[in-house]
Amino acid sequence: MSVMDKKSTELNNNKLTNLFFGGHFVRTIAAIIDLGIVAMLTIGLFFLLSYFVFVPIAKATNVVDYDLFEDVSHEFMDLQISSGLFYYDEENERSDIYLDFKNYEQYDLLIQNYYFDYLPTKIEDDESNQYTNYWYNVFIYGLDDEQNLFSSTISNRYDLVKTYGKEYFTYQVDGGGLPLYDLLATPKASLYENNDPSGNLSEESSTKLLEYFFNNNLNYNFSGEPSIYVLVIEKDFALRDFFVEVYDDYLEIMLQIHVWETLIPQLVALFIISFLAYFIMPIILKNGQTVGKIIMKIGLVNKLGYEVNVWQLLLRYVFPFLFVFALFLIGGTILYLGLGLFVLISYTMVIFSKERKAPHDYVAGTIVIDIKRSVWFKNATEEEKFSKELASTKPIDFSDIQQKYKKD
């Protein structure tokens, strides 16, 4: 400890410096005010940087090939639409899942078209020849492989197919009651009104069959399982080589676009605004204050009760910024979990630590104080000077004032 530090400690022991720590409530409100200001300014600067700086740079330097992206996007979308599984929304100019069907037969025909008409045009004959009516009965309608043709692959069927398929469908039979494996299965008679297959499906059965093929739920939950349309058909399409090749090219360019239109301007905007709000402004204003701290009348001092210096303000800013910066790079759920955890730990430490310090206060060696109630000094020299002036001040003789008052 230096001579100055020792002297400062002694002076603090003499109670010249008297600090009242900033309460967790006022610190929370101050932090919310600052975060709100930083968030709004960051969003505004982000859009300006994205559209007027980084996108023009990306186009001028050709780091993002927007023409190629347009071609790949159309190829990607054309594949989706030609499969019959998606349609082109002219109003929103996007590919979307087909939501217009009202009964299971329409989805059933759509899936049959995919396996029997569309897919054979995209794959080798050896593979496409497996997609027969019997295959459809086993893997879409969920019936037993009674001919034992798929012993090596039948275990790959989804639980939804194995569990519910046999409840809804049955093989057609000839006059002698023998199964007609070369024909597509039909719904069970019990699903029809009065058990009459020539009539109409019951309302309950129609709903069950529709939900089996497409449940119209974005979570795709049907009794704990996704629907046939999403689980089997969309997944099959998404894993096909002819689609994956185009999709990989699409994702590669999309990543480049995301980096230049979103990630870089977002990080730059966050750095500029947070640097101004949490470093430059506290340097300019008294006691390391931000807008929120000014409003809530709190400020910063070092552990001896003196004004904070530039290096402390820099450390106090850099520590949380690097943490947030790393979370932004990771993105996704980790970003929100990390931010939530950081806030929770900081708030807990402010409440329960002796000097109500957050993690960045420990790193920077700072203390948040109540400006109105606390007594602090710029440095040890100023405190010593004040101490000497205080000691040399002649005490007021109240008896003389009292005598004078009586004479008057």
Protein backbone atom coordinates (compact mmCIF):
# COMPACT_ATOMS: atom_id res chain seq x y z
CA MET A 1 0.00 0.00 0.00
CA SER A 2 1.40 3.42 -0.96
CA VAL A 3 1.76 6.40 1.43
CA MET A 4 -1.19 8.04 -0.26
CA ASP A 5 -3.34 4.90 0.22
CA LYS A 6 -2.39 4.64 3.88
CA LYS A 7 -3.24 8.28 4.43
CA SER A 8 -6.51 7.80 2.63
CA THR A 9 -7.37 4.87 4.83
CA GLU A 10 -6.65 6.86 7.94
CA LEU A 11 -8.79 9.73 6.73
CA ASN A 12 -11.59 7.32 5.95
CA ASN A 13 -11.26 5.95 9.45
CA ASN A 14 -11.70 9.54 10.68
CA LYS A 15 -15.13 9.55 9.03
CA LEU A 16 -14.42 12.42 6.63
CA THR A 17 -15.49 10.20 3.77
CA ASN A 18 -18.99 8.95 4.48
CA LEU A 19 -20.53 6.73 1.81
CA PHE A 20 -24.13 5.60 1.47
CA PHE A 21 -24.36 2.76 -1.02
CA GLY A 22 -26.88 2.99 -3.82
CA GLY A 23 -29.90 0.80 -3.07
CA HIS A 24 -30.77 -2.08 -5.38
CA PHE A 25 -34.11 -0.47 -6.30
CA VAL A 26 -32.64 2.82 -7.54
CA ARG A 27 -29.83 0.92 -9.26
CA THR A 28 -32.37 -1.28 -11.02
CA ILE A 29 -34.41 1.70 -12.22
CA ALA A 30 -31.24 3.45 -13.39
CA ALA A 31 -30.13 0.33 -15.27
CA ILE A 32 -33.55 -0.02 -16.92
CA ILE A 33 -33.48 3.62 -18.02
CA ASP A 34 -29.99 3.23 -19.49
CA LEU A 35 -30.84 -0.07 -21.18
CA GLY A 36 -33.99 1.42 -22.69
CA ILE A 37 -32.07 4.37 -24.11
CA VAL A 38 -29.24 2.16 -25.37
CA ALA A 39 -31.69 -0.33 -26.93
CA MET A 40 -33.66 2.33 -28.82
CA LEU A 41 -30.57 4.12 -30.07
CA THR A 42 -28.90 0.83 -31.01
CA ILE A 43 -31.92 -0.28 -33.04
CA GLY A 44 -32.03 3.05 -34.86
CA LEU A 45 -28.31 3.04 -35.60
CA PHE A 46 -28.51 -0.61 -36.64
CA PHE A 47 -30.99 0.15 -39.42
CA LEU A 48 -28.96 3.13 -40.59
CA LEU A 49 -25.73 1.13 -40.67
CA SER A 50 -27.37 -1.88 -42.29
CA TYR A 51 -29.11 -0.15 -45.19
CA PHE A 52 -26.83 2.80 -45.78
CA VAL A 53 -23.39 1.44 -44.91
CA PHE A 54 -22.90 -2.31 -44.82
CA VAL A 55 -25.35 -3.41 -47.53
CA PRO A 56 -23.82 -0.92 -50.02
CA ILE A 57 -20.36 -2.14 -48.98
CA ALA A 58 -21.39 -5.78 -49.47
CA LYS A 59 -22.75 -5.00 -52.94
CA ALA A 60 -19.82 -2.80 -53.98
CA THR A 61 -17.19 -5.32 -52.87
CA ASN A 62 -19.25 -8.31 -54.06
CA VAL A 63 -18.73 -10.15 -50.77
CA VAL A 64 -22.40 -11.08 -51.14
CA ASP A 65 -23.58 -12.12 -54.59
CA TYR A 66 -27.17 -10.86 -54.52
CA ASP A 67 -27.82 -11.88 -58.12
CA LEU A 68 -26.78 -15.44 -57.37
CA PHE A 69 -28.91 -15.39 -54.25
CA GLU A 70 -31.96 -14.40 -56.27
CA ASP A 71 -31.34 -17.27 -58.71
CA VAL A 72 -30.79 -19.80 -55.93
CA SER A 73 -33.85 -18.53 -54.06
CA HIS A 74 -36.05 -19.06 -57.10
CA GLU A 75 -34.58 -22.52 -57.68
CA PHE A 76 -35.12 -23.37 -54.03
CA MET A 77 -38.70 -22.13 -54.14
CA ASP A 78 -39.44 -23.83 -57.46
CA LEU A 79 -38.36 -27.17 -55.99
CA GLN A 80 -40.73 -26.71 -53.08
CA ILE A 81 -43.64 -25.73 -55.28
CA SER A 82 -43.09 -28.40 -57.93
CA SER A 83 -43.17 -31.06 -55.21
CA GLY A 84 -46.79 -30.15 -54.58
CA LEU A 85 -46.06 -29.82 -50.87
CA PHE A 86 -45.93 -26.02 -50.92
CA TYR A 87 -47.49 -23.18 -52.81
CA TYR A 88 -46.43 -19.71 -53.84
CA ASP A 89 -48.14 -16.93 -51.91
CA GLU A 90 -48.32 -14.13 -54.45
CA GLU A 91 -49.22 -11.52 -51.84
CA ASN A 92 -46.34 -12.26 -49.50
CA GLU A 93 -44.03 -13.60 -52.21
CA ARG A 94 -43.02 -16.64 -50.25
CA SER A 95 -43.33 -20.40 -50.20
CA ASP A 96 -45.61 -21.76 -47.55
CA ILE A 97 -47.11 -25.01 -46.36
CA TYR A 98 -50.41 -25.89 -48.00
CA LEU A 99 -53.10 -25.04 -45.45
CA ASP A 100 -56.11 -24.87 -47.73
CA PHE A 101 -57.27 -28.49 -47.57
CA LYS A 102 -60.36 -29.27 -45.53
CA ASN A 103 -60.38 -33.09 -45.43
CA TYR A 104 -57.90 -35.94 -45.21
CA GLU A 105 -58.52 -37.15 -48.79
CA GLN A 106 -56.93 -34.00 -50.19
CA TYR A 107 -53.77 -34.48 -48.13
CA ASP A 108 -53.77 -38.17 -48.94
CA LEU A 109 -53.86 -37.43 -52.68
CA LEU A 110 -51.11 -34.82 -52.25
CA ILE A 111 -48.86 -37.39 -50.59
CA GLN A 112 -49.66 -40.01 -53.21
CA ASN A 113 -48.74 -37.52 -55.91
CA TYR A 114 -45.42 -36.88 -54.18
CA TYR A 115 -44.39 -40.56 -54.00
CA PHE A 116 -45.97 -41.90 -57.16
CA ASP A 117 -45.61 -39.00 -59.64
CA TYR A 118 -43.15 -36.32 -58.45
CA LEU A 119 -40.41 -38.30 -56.68
CA PRO A 120 -39.82 -40.81 -59.51
CA THR A 121 -38.83 -37.88 -61.75
CA LYS A 122 -36.08 -36.85 -59.33
CA ILE A 123 -34.52 -40.14 -58.26
CA GLU A 124 -33.14 -43.31 -59.84
CA ASP A 125 -35.54 -45.97 -61.07
CA ASP A 126 -34.16 -48.57 -58.68
CA GLU A 127 -35.27 -46.48 -55.74
CA SER A 128 -38.52 -45.15 -57.20
CA ASN A 129 -39.73 -48.69 -57.97
CA GLN A 130 -40.16 -49.35 -54.24
CA TYR A 131 -42.94 -46.77 -53.98
CA THR A 132 -45.87 -49.06 -54.73
CA ASN A 133 -49.38 -49.17 -53.34
CA TYR A 134 -48.25 -51.88 -50.93
CA TRP A 135 -45.35 -49.72 -49.72
CA TYR A 136 -47.84 -46.87 -49.21
CA ASN A 137 -50.14 -49.15 -47.20
CA VAL A 138 -47.28 -50.10 -44.88
CA PHE A 139 -45.42 -46.81 -44.46
CA ILE A 140 -48.19 -44.23 -44.77
CA TYR A 141 -51.32 -46.10 -43.70
CA GLY A 142 -49.36 -48.02 -41.08
CA LEU A 143 -50.60 -51.52 -41.91
CA ASP A 144 -48.65 -54.69 -41.19
CA ASP A 145 -46.08 -55.88 -43.72
CA GLU A 146 -47.95 -59.13 -44.32
CA GLN A 147 -45.88 -59.98 -47.41
CA ASN A 148 -42.66 -59.44 -45.44
CA LEU A 149 -41.16 -57.20 -48.13
CA PHE A 150 -39.76 -54.53 -45.82
CA SER A 151 -38.30 -56.49 -42.91
CA SER A 152 -35.08 -54.43 -42.99
CA THR A 153 -36.75 -51.00 -43.01
CA ILE A 154 -40.13 -51.38 -41.31
CA SER A 155 -38.58 -50.63 -37.92
CA ASN A 156 -37.90 -47.09 -39.22
CA ARG A 157 -41.61 -46.27 -39.27
CA TYR A 158 -42.65 -43.52 -36.92
CA ASP A 159 -44.71 -44.33 -33.83
CA LEU A 160 -47.54 -42.23 -35.23
CA VAL A 161 -47.79 -44.52 -38.26
CA LYS A 162 -47.43 -47.76 -36.30
CA THR A 163 -49.86 -46.71 -33.56
CA TYR A 164 -52.68 -44.97 -35.37
CA GLY A 165 -52.49 -46.29 -38.92
CA LYS A 166 -54.03 -49.68 -38.15
CA GLU A 167 -56.78 -47.97 -36.16
CA TYR A 168 -57.90 -46.10 -39.27
CA PHE A 169 -57.09 -48.24 -42.33
CA THR A 170 -57.44 -51.80 -43.53
CA TYR A 171 -56.45 -53.76 -46.64
CA GLN A 172 -59.10 -54.16 -49.32
CA VAL A 173 -60.21 -57.74 -49.79
CA ASP A 174 -61.55 -59.79 -52.68
CA GLY A 175 -64.76 -61.80 -52.71
CA GLY A 176 -63.09 -64.54 -50.74
CA GLY A 177 -61.84 -62.19 -48.03
CA LEU A 178 -58.21 -62.28 -49.16
CA PRO A 179 -56.23 -59.03 -48.91
CA LEU A 180 -55.66 -57.10 -52.14
CA TYR A 181 -52.11 -55.92 -51.49
CA ASP A 182 -51.75 -54.20 -54.87
CA LEU A 183 -54.57 -51.80 -54.07
CA LEU A 184 -54.47 -48.90 -51.66
CA ALA A 185 -56.05 -49.57 -48.30
CA THR A 186 -59.31 -47.93 -47.26
CA PRO A 187 -60.65 -46.54 -43.97
CA LYS A 188 -62.19 -49.12 -41.67
CA ALA A 189 -65.94 -49.59 -41.79
CA SER A 190 -66.17 -48.58 -38.13
CA LEU A 191 -65.17 -45.05 -39.10
CA TYR A 192 -68.28 -44.56 -41.23
CA GLU A 193 -71.75 -43.62 -40.09
CA ASN A 194 -73.72 -46.78 -39.31
CA ASN A 195 -70.58 -48.78 -40.22
CA ASP A 196 -71.49 -48.36 -43.87
CA PRO A 197 -68.41 -47.75 -46.11
CA SER A 198 -70.69 -46.62 -48.91
CA GLY A 199 -71.87 -43.73 -46.78
CA ASN A 200 -70.07 -40.84 -45.11
CA LEU A 201 -67.35 -40.83 -42.51
CA SER A 202 -68.54 -39.85 -39.07
CA GLU A 203 -67.64 -36.31 -38.00
CA GLU A 204 -65.32 -37.65 -35.31
CA SER A 205 -63.55 -39.98 -37.76
CA SER A 206 -63.14 -37.21 -40.33
CA THR A 207 -61.42 -35.06 -37.70
CA LYS A 208 -59.14 -37.90 -36.60
CA LEU A 209 -58.10 -38.73 -40.16
CA LEU A 210 -57.47 -35.09 -40.98
CA GLU A 211 -55.30 -34.69 -37.89
CA TYR A 212 -53.45 -37.89 -38.77
CA PHE A 213 -52.44 -36.44 -42.13
CA PHE A 214 -52.19 -32.77 -41.16
CA ASN A 215 -53.11 -31.34 -37.77
CA ASN A 216 -52.67 -27.66 -38.70
CA ASN A 217 -50.54 -27.07 -35.59
CA LEU A 218 -47.20 -25.31 -35.99
CA ASN A 219 -45.81 -27.54 -33.24
CA TYR A 220 -47.09 -30.51 -35.23
CA ASN A 221 -48.30 -32.23 -32.09
CA PHE A 222 -50.87 -34.91 -32.57
CA SER A 223 -51.19 -37.08 -29.44
CA GLY A 224 -47.57 -36.21 -28.75
CA GLU A 225 -46.51 -36.89 -32.36
CA PRO A 226 -46.23 -34.75 -35.51
CA SER A 227 -48.63 -35.39 -38.36
CA ILE A 228 -47.94 -37.59 -41.38
CA TYR A 229 -47.63 -34.60 -43.68
CA VAL A 230 -44.93 -32.92 -41.64
CA LEU A 231 -43.18 -35.85 -40.01
CA VAL A 232 -42.92 -38.12 -43.04
CA ILE A 233 -43.38 -36.10 -46.20
CA GLU A 234 -41.68 -32.81 -45.42
CA LYS A 235 -38.79 -34.64 -43.78
CA ASP A 236 -38.43 -36.98 -46.76
CA PHE A 237 -38.36 -34.01 -49.13
CA ALA A 238 -35.90 -32.04 -46.97
CA LEU A 239 -33.40 -34.94 -46.94
CA ARG A 240 -33.40 -35.63 -50.67
CA ASP A 241 -30.07 -34.94 -52.42
CA PHE A 242 -31.66 -32.87 -55.19
CA PHE A 243 -33.13 -30.54 -52.55
CA VAL A 244 -30.19 -30.53 -50.13
CA GLU A 245 -27.75 -29.35 -52.83
CA VAL A 246 -29.85 -26.28 -53.62
CA TYR A 247 -30.71 -25.69 -49.97
CA ASP A 248 -27.03 -25.74 -48.94
CA ASP A 249 -26.24 -23.10 -51.57
CA TYR A 250 -29.21 -21.07 -50.35
CA LEU A 251 -28.11 -21.30 -46.70
CA GLU A 252 -24.52 -20.35 -47.55
CA ILE A 253 -25.58 -17.11 -49.22
CA MET A 254 -28.21 -16.47 -46.55
CA LEU A 255 -25.46 -16.69 -43.93
CA GLN A 256 -23.39 -14.13 -45.84
CA ILE A 257 -26.39 -11.83 -46.07
CA HIS A 258 -27.12 -12.27 -42.37
CA VAL A 259 -23.54 -11.38 -41.48
CA TRP A 260 -23.49 -8.20 -43.55
CA GLU A 261 -27.08 -7.05 -43.16
CA THR A 262 -27.66 -8.04 -39.53
CA LEU A 263 -24.75 -9.33 -37.46
CA ILE A 264 -22.02 -6.81 -38.30
CA PRO A 265 -24.23 -3.67 -38.20
CA GLN A 266 -25.87 -4.99 -35.04
CA LEU A 267 -22.56 -5.46 -33.24
CA VAL A 268 -21.13 -2.18 -34.50
CA ALA A 269 -24.26 -0.29 -33.43
CA LEU A 270 -24.21 -1.98 -30.04
CA PHE A 271 -20.54 -1.12 -29.56
CA ILE A 272 -20.89 2.54 -30.59
CA ILE A 273 -24.00 3.26 -28.50
CA SER A 274 -22.88 1.31 -25.44
CA PHE A 275 -19.38 2.86 -25.65
CA LEU A 276 -20.89 6.34 -25.67
CA ALA A 277 -23.46 5.57 -22.97
CA TYR A 278 -21.35 3.55 -20.55
CA PHE A 279 -17.84 4.94 -21.10
CA ILE A 280 -17.70 8.34 -22.79
CA MET A 281 -20.68 9.81 -20.95
CA PRO A 282 -19.45 8.70 -17.48
CA ILE A 283 -16.09 10.32 -18.29
CA ILE A 284 -17.72 13.60 -19.29
CA LEU A 285 -20.29 13.66 -16.48
CA LYS A 286 -19.44 13.81 -12.79
CA ASN A 287 -18.90 10.66 -10.74
CA GLY A 288 -19.11 8.21 -13.64
CA GLN A 289 -22.78 8.89 -14.11
CA THR A 290 -25.04 7.79 -16.96
CA VAL A 291 -28.46 9.23 -17.78
CA GLY A 292 -30.11 6.66 -15.52
CA LYS A 293 -27.73 7.38 -12.65
CA ILE A 294 -28.31 11.14 -12.97
CA ILE A 295 -32.06 10.64 -12.79
CA MET A 296 -31.80 8.30 -9.80
CA LYS A 297 -29.09 10.48 -8.14
CA ILE A 298 -26.44 7.79 -7.82
CA GLY A 299 -22.82 7.77 -8.97
CA LEU A 300 -19.49 5.95 -8.80
CA VAL A 301 -16.48 6.22 -6.51
CA ASN A 302 -13.53 3.91 -6.00
CA LYS A 303 -13.16 1.65 -2.99
CA LEU A 304 -11.56 4.51 -0.96
CA GLY A 305 -14.40 6.88 -1.69
CA TYR A 306 -12.59 8.97 -4.32
CA GLU A 307 -13.54 9.78 -7.90
CA VAL A 308 -13.16 6.91 -10.36
CA ASN A 309 -10.53 7.21 -13.09
CA VAL A 310 -10.70 6.46 -16.81
CA TRP A 311 -9.22 2.97 -16.46
CA GLN A 312 -11.83 1.97 -13.94
CA LEU A 313 -14.61 3.22 -16.19
CA LEU A 314 -13.04 1.33 -19.10
CA LEU A 315 -12.89 -1.91 -17.11
CA ARG A 316 -16.43 -1.41 -15.87
CA TYR A 317 -17.59 -1.04 -19.49
CA VAL A 318 -15.39 -3.68 -21.18
CA PHE A 319 -16.23 -6.58 -18.85
CA PRO A 320 -20.01 -6.72 -19.48
CA PHE A 321 -19.62 -5.63 -23.11
CA LEU A 322 -17.28 -8.51 -23.98
CA PHE A 323 -19.66 -10.90 -22.26
CA VAL A 324 -22.67 -9.58 -24.22
CA PHE A 325 -20.59 -9.45 -27.42
CA ALA A 326 -19.73 -13.15 -27.05
CA LEU A 327 -23.39 -14.01 -26.46
CA PHE A 328 -24.42 -12.12 -29.61
CA LEU A 329 -21.89 -14.10 -31.63
CA ILE A 330 -23.31 -17.35 -30.27
CA GLY A 331 -26.89 -16.15 -30.69
CA GLY A 332 -30.01 -18.27 -30.33
CA THR A 333 -31.25 -19.46 -26.96
CA ILE A 334 -27.77 -19.07 -25.43
CA LEU A 335 -28.00 -15.29 -25.96
CA TYR A 336 -31.17 -14.92 -23.91
CA LEU A 337 -30.18 -17.46 -21.27
CA GLY A 338 -26.77 -15.80 -20.87
CA LEU A 339 -28.24 -12.32 -20.56
CA GLY A 340 -30.83 -13.53 -18.08
CA LEU A 341 -28.19 -15.31 -16.02
CA PHE A 342 -25.91 -12.26 -16.01
CA VAL A 343 -28.74 -10.00 -14.84
CA LEU A 344 -29.79 -12.51 -12.16
CA ILE A 345 -26.25 -12.89 -10.79
CA SER A 346 -25.67 -9.13 -10.85
CA TYR A 347 -28.95 -8.39 -9.08
CA THR A 348 -28.30 -11.08 -6.46
CA MET A 349 -24.81 -9.70 -5.73
CA VAL A 350 -26.12 -6.14 -5.44
CA ILE A 351 -28.72 -7.27 -2.91
CA PHE A 352 -26.54 -9.51 -0.75
CA SER A 353 -22.96 -8.20 -1.06
CA LYS A 354 -21.68 -5.92 1.72
CA GLU A 355 -21.05 -2.92 -0.53
CA ARG A 356 -23.85 -3.80 -2.99
CA LYS A 357 -21.42 -4.49 -5.81
CA ALA A 358 -22.26 -6.07 -9.15
CA PRO A 359 -19.67 -8.25 -10.96
CA HIS A 360 -18.38 -5.32 -13.04
CA ASP A 361 -17.95 -3.28 -9.82
CA TYR A 362 -15.62 -5.95 -8.46
CA VAL A 363 -13.67 -6.05 -11.72
CA ALA A 364 -13.30 -2.25 -11.89
CA GLY A 365 -12.99 -1.60 -8.14
CA THR A 366 -15.96 0.78 -8.08
CA ILE A 367 -18.80 1.43 -5.65
CA VAL A 368 -22.22 2.86 -6.48
CA ILE A 369 -23.21 5.52 -3.95
CA ASP A 370 -26.13 7.78 -3.14
CA ILE A 371 -24.86 11.15 -4.40
CA LYS A 372 -27.16 13.26 -2.21
CA ARG A 373 -26.34 11.58 1.10
CA SER A 374 -22.68 10.63 0.66
CA VAL A 375 -19.57 12.66 1.42
CA TRP A 376 -16.65 11.93 -0.92
CA PHE A 377 -13.55 13.63 -2.28
CA LYS A 378 -11.77 13.85 -5.60
CA ASN A 379 -8.61 12.30 -4.16
CA ALA A 380 -6.63 11.85 -0.93
CA THR A 381 -4.95 15.25 -1.27
CA GLU A 382 -8.29 17.03 -1.43
CA GLU A 383 -9.52 15.07 1.58
CA GLU A 384 -6.40 15.93 3.55
CA LYS A 385 -6.73 19.60 2.62
CA PHE A 386 -10.33 19.66 3.75
CA SER A 387 -9.37 17.89 6.97
CA LYS A 388 -6.74 20.56 7.77
CA GLU A 389 -9.16 23.38 6.97
CA LEU A 390 -11.74 21.77 9.19
CA ALA A 391 -9.21 21.40 12.01
CA SER A 392 -8.07 25.05 11.75
CA THR A 393 -11.54 26.47 11.73
CA LYS A 394 -12.25 28.45 14.91
CA PRO A 395 -15.20 27.00 16.78
CA ILE A 396 -18.20 29.25 17.18
CA ASP A 397 -18.63 30.62 20.73
CA PHE A 398 -22.36 30.44 21.23
CA SER A 399 -22.09 32.14 24.66
CA ASP A 400 -20.83 35.33 23.00
CA ILE A 401 -23.73 35.29 20.57
CA GLN A 402 -26.14 34.77 23.43
CA GLN A 403 -24.73 37.70 25.43
CA LYS A 404 -24.89 39.95 22.36
CA TYR A 405 -28.47 38.94 21.74
CA LYS A 406 -29.45 39.85 25.33
CA LYS A 407 -27.82 43.30 25.05
CA ASP A 408 -29.70 44.01 21.84
